[in-house]
Amino acid sequence: MGSDERVCPVCGQPVETVVRRHKTLGAWVPVWADGPCRNPECEAHAGQAAESGEDHGGAPAGKSS
C-alpha cells in the first residue's frame, strides 16, 4: 500500500512517529502523528516553532477558568 515511514510535509525528511491522545466518548484513544522536523534547514524545524512562539496543537488545551 504505502510506506510506514512518516516524512516532513515541507522538506520530505523522515520524522519520528509520536503518540498523542484524543478523547472520544469519554475514553482516551491513541492517535499516531508526525513528530517535529529535525532538519535545521527546514522551515518547519522544531527549534524555529518554539522560538517564534507558534503552537501547532501538539498538546491538549487545559481548562480555562
N, C-alpha and C. Protein backbone atom coordinates (compact mmCIF):
# COMPACT_ATOMS: atom_id res chain seq x y z
N MET A 1 0.83 -1.18 0.00
CA MET A 1 0.00 0.00 0.00
C MET A 1 0.87 1.24 0.00
N GLY A 2 1.43 1.59 1.15
CA GLY A 2 2.24 2.79 1.24
C GLY A 2 3.36 2.56 2.24
N SER A 3 4.16 3.56 2.39
CA SER A 3 5.27 3.48 3.32
C SER A 3 4.79 3.77 4.73
N ASP A 4 5.34 3.05 5.70
CA ASP A 4 5.01 3.29 7.10
C ASP A 4 5.84 4.44 7.67
N GLU A 5 6.84 4.90 6.90
CA GLU A 5 7.72 5.96 7.36
C GLU A 5 7.04 7.32 7.17
N ARG A 6 7.05 8.13 8.22
CA ARG A 6 6.45 9.46 8.14
C ARG A 6 7.53 10.45 7.72
N VAL A 7 7.13 11.44 6.92
CA VAL A 7 8.06 12.45 6.44
C VAL A 7 7.52 13.84 6.70
N CYS A 8 8.42 14.81 6.77
CA CYS A 8 8.06 16.21 6.94
C CYS A 8 7.34 16.68 5.68
N PRO A 9 6.19 17.35 5.81
CA PRO A 9 5.49 17.82 4.62
C PRO A 9 6.21 18.96 3.90
N VAL A 10 7.16 19.63 4.57
CA VAL A 10 7.86 20.76 3.96
C VAL A 10 9.11 20.30 3.22
N CYS A 11 9.99 19.54 3.91
CA CYS A 11 11.27 19.19 3.29
C CYS A 11 11.37 17.73 2.85
N GLY A 12 10.47 16.87 3.32
CA GLY A 12 10.48 15.47 2.90
C GLY A 12 11.43 14.58 3.68
N GLN A 13 12.09 15.11 4.71
CA GLN A 13 12.99 14.30 5.54
C GLN A 13 12.16 13.42 6.48
N PRO A 14 12.67 12.24 6.84
CA PRO A 14 11.94 11.38 7.78
C PRO A 14 11.79 12.05 9.15
N VAL A 15 10.64 11.85 9.79
CA VAL A 15 10.37 12.36 11.14
C VAL A 15 9.90 11.21 12.01
N GLU A 16 9.97 11.41 13.32
CA GLU A 16 9.50 10.40 14.27
C GLU A 16 7.98 10.27 14.20
N THR A 17 7.50 9.14 14.67
CA THR A 17 6.06 8.98 14.88
C THR A 17 5.82 9.17 16.36
N VAL A 18 4.94 10.09 16.72
CA VAL A 18 4.63 10.35 18.12
C VAL A 18 3.20 9.94 18.39
N VAL A 19 2.93 9.57 19.62
CA VAL A 19 1.59 9.17 20.02
C VAL A 19 0.99 10.28 20.86
N ARG A 20 -0.13 10.76 20.41
CA ARG A 20 -0.90 11.74 21.18
C ARG A 20 -2.19 11.06 21.57
N ARG A 21 -2.99 11.74 22.35
CA ARG A 21 -4.25 11.13 22.75
C ARG A 21 -5.40 12.05 22.42
N HIS A 22 -6.55 11.44 22.20
CA HIS A 22 -7.76 12.16 21.82
C HIS A 22 -8.92 11.54 22.59
N LYS A 23 -9.75 12.37 23.17
CA LYS A 23 -10.86 11.85 23.96
C LYS A 23 -12.07 11.65 23.06
N THR A 24 -12.56 10.42 23.03
CA THR A 24 -13.72 10.05 22.23
C THR A 24 -14.69 9.27 23.10
N LEU A 25 -15.91 9.78 23.22
CA LEU A 25 -16.96 9.13 24.01
C LEU A 25 -16.49 8.81 25.43
N GLY A 26 -15.73 9.73 26.02
CA GLY A 26 -15.30 9.58 27.40
C GLY A 26 -14.07 8.73 27.61
N ALA A 27 -13.47 8.23 26.54
CA ALA A 27 -12.27 7.40 26.67
C ALA A 27 -11.13 8.03 25.88
N TRP A 28 -9.93 7.97 26.43
CA TRP A 28 -8.76 8.47 25.72
C TRP A 28 -8.28 7.40 24.76
N VAL A 29 -8.12 7.75 23.50
CA VAL A 29 -7.65 6.81 22.49
C VAL A 29 -6.35 7.35 21.88
N PRO A 30 -5.42 6.46 21.51
CA PRO A 30 -4.16 6.93 20.93
C PRO A 30 -4.36 7.40 19.49
N VAL A 31 -3.58 8.44 19.14
CA VAL A 31 -3.57 8.95 17.78
C VAL A 31 -2.10 9.10 17.39
N TRP A 32 -1.69 8.42 16.33
CA TRP A 32 -0.32 8.50 15.87
C TRP A 32 -0.19 9.67 14.92
N ALA A 33 0.83 10.50 15.12
CA ALA A 33 1.01 11.70 14.31
C ALA A 33 2.49 11.89 13.98
N ASP A 34 2.75 12.80 13.06
CA ASP A 34 4.13 13.14 12.70
C ASP A 34 4.77 13.90 13.86
N GLY A 35 6.01 13.56 14.15
CA GLY A 35 6.76 14.28 15.15
C GLY A 35 7.37 15.54 14.56
N PRO A 36 8.13 16.29 15.35
CA PRO A 36 8.74 17.52 14.85
C PRO A 36 9.87 17.22 13.85
N CYS A 37 10.07 18.13 12.92
CA CYS A 37 11.15 18.01 11.94
C CYS A 37 12.46 18.38 12.61
N ARG A 38 13.50 17.59 12.38
CA ARG A 38 14.81 17.83 12.99
C ARG A 38 15.82 18.38 11.99
N ASN A 39 15.39 18.70 10.77
CA ASN A 39 16.28 19.24 9.74
C ASN A 39 16.48 20.74 9.99
N PRO A 40 17.69 21.20 10.33
CA PRO A 40 17.89 22.61 10.64
C PRO A 40 17.65 23.56 9.46
N GLU A 41 17.71 23.07 8.23
CA GLU A 41 17.46 23.92 7.06
C GLU A 41 15.98 24.01 6.71
N CYS A 42 15.14 23.24 7.37
CA CYS A 42 13.71 23.18 7.05
C CYS A 42 12.94 24.32 7.70
N GLU A 43 11.92 24.84 6.99
CA GLU A 43 11.07 25.89 7.54
C GLU A 43 10.25 25.40 8.74
N ALA A 44 9.95 24.10 8.78
CA ALA A 44 9.13 23.53 9.86
C ALA A 44 10.00 22.92 10.97
N HIS A 45 11.27 23.34 11.04
CA HIS A 45 12.20 22.81 12.04
C HIS A 45 11.65 23.01 13.45
N ALA A 46 11.82 22.02 14.33
CA ALA A 46 11.27 22.05 15.69
C ALA A 46 11.77 23.24 16.49
N GLY A 47 13.00 23.63 16.35
CA GLY A 47 13.55 24.75 17.10
C GLY A 47 12.94 26.08 16.69
N GLN A 48 12.61 26.26 15.41
CA GLN A 48 12.04 27.51 14.93
C GLN A 48 10.64 27.71 15.48
N ALA A 49 9.82 26.68 15.56
CA ALA A 49 8.46 26.81 16.08
C ALA A 49 8.48 27.22 17.54
N ALA A 50 9.40 26.68 18.32
CA ALA A 50 9.49 27.02 19.73
C ALA A 50 9.97 28.45 19.92
N GLU A 51 10.92 28.89 19.06
CA GLU A 51 11.47 30.24 19.18
C GLU A 51 10.45 31.30 18.78
N SER A 52 9.64 31.00 17.76
CA SER A 52 8.70 32.01 17.27
C SER A 52 7.41 32.04 18.08
N GLY A 53 7.21 31.08 18.98
CA GLY A 53 6.02 31.05 19.81
C GLY A 53 4.81 30.45 19.11
N GLU A 54 5.02 29.81 17.97
CA GLU A 54 3.91 29.19 17.27
C GLU A 54 3.49 27.93 17.99
N ASP A 55 2.18 27.66 17.97
CA ASP A 55 1.64 26.45 18.56
C ASP A 55 0.86 25.72 17.48
N HIS A 56 1.24 24.49 17.22
CA HIS A 56 0.58 23.71 16.18
C HIS A 56 -0.30 22.62 16.76
N GLY A 57 -0.78 22.81 17.98
CA GLY A 57 -1.69 21.86 18.57
C GLY A 57 -1.07 20.60 19.10
N GLY A 58 0.19 20.64 19.52
CA GLY A 58 0.86 19.45 19.99
C GLY A 58 0.34 18.92 21.32
N ALA A 59 -0.15 19.79 22.17
CA ALA A 59 -0.64 19.37 23.48
C ALA A 59 -2.10 19.78 23.62
N PRO A 60 -2.88 18.99 24.35
CA PRO A 60 -4.27 19.35 24.56
C PRO A 60 -4.39 20.63 25.38
N ALA A 61 -5.39 21.40 25.08
CA ALA A 61 -5.60 22.65 25.81
C ALA A 61 -6.09 22.36 27.22
N GLY A 62 -5.64 23.17 28.15
CA GLY A 62 -6.05 23.00 29.55
C GLY A 62 -7.42 23.65 29.77
N LYS A 63 -7.96 23.44 30.96
CA LYS A 63 -9.25 24.05 31.31
C LYS A 63 -9.07 25.54 31.48
N SER A 64 -10.02 26.29 31.02
CA SER A 64 -9.98 27.73 31.25
C SER A 64 -10.96 28.06 32.37
N SER A 65 -10.53 28.96 33.23
CA SER A 65 -11.37 29.32 34.38
C SER A 65 -12.25 30.49 34.08
